[in-house]
Amino acid sequence: MRILFDNNTPRPLRGYLSEHAVDTAREKGWAELSNGDLLDRAEREDYEILITADQSMRHQQNLGRRRLAIIVLLSNRWPDVQPRIEDIRTAIDGMQLGELREIAIPIGDEA
């Protein structure tokens, strides 16, 4: 599966998704794109999933017309995200194009 990490996605997560082709917006030269432009570009490049920590994505974009799925991490702090790797992998495996899923990430002592 082709996955794009938004700028705010923790980079170490990539190492846990080695069965997928993962690129970052920064690597692609898309670091400065707005959310809508980033989604448009990702779709044109045939990405299937965008992983982001931008919690406003659901409210800023008309996601109903999108051909890629979006996973929103509710934190981007790696120490908090790391224990949720299996939840993220499960979400990736079950995503449908155009779907948005939020992954709850308990912060520090909440875990």
Foldseek 3Di string as FASTA:
>chain_A
DEEEEQPLAAPVLCVVPVVYHYDYCVVVVNNPPDPVVVQVVCVVVPGAEYEYQPPCSVVPDPLQPFFHEYEHEVDRPCVQCVVCSVVVVVCVVPDGGSYYYYDYGDPDPRD
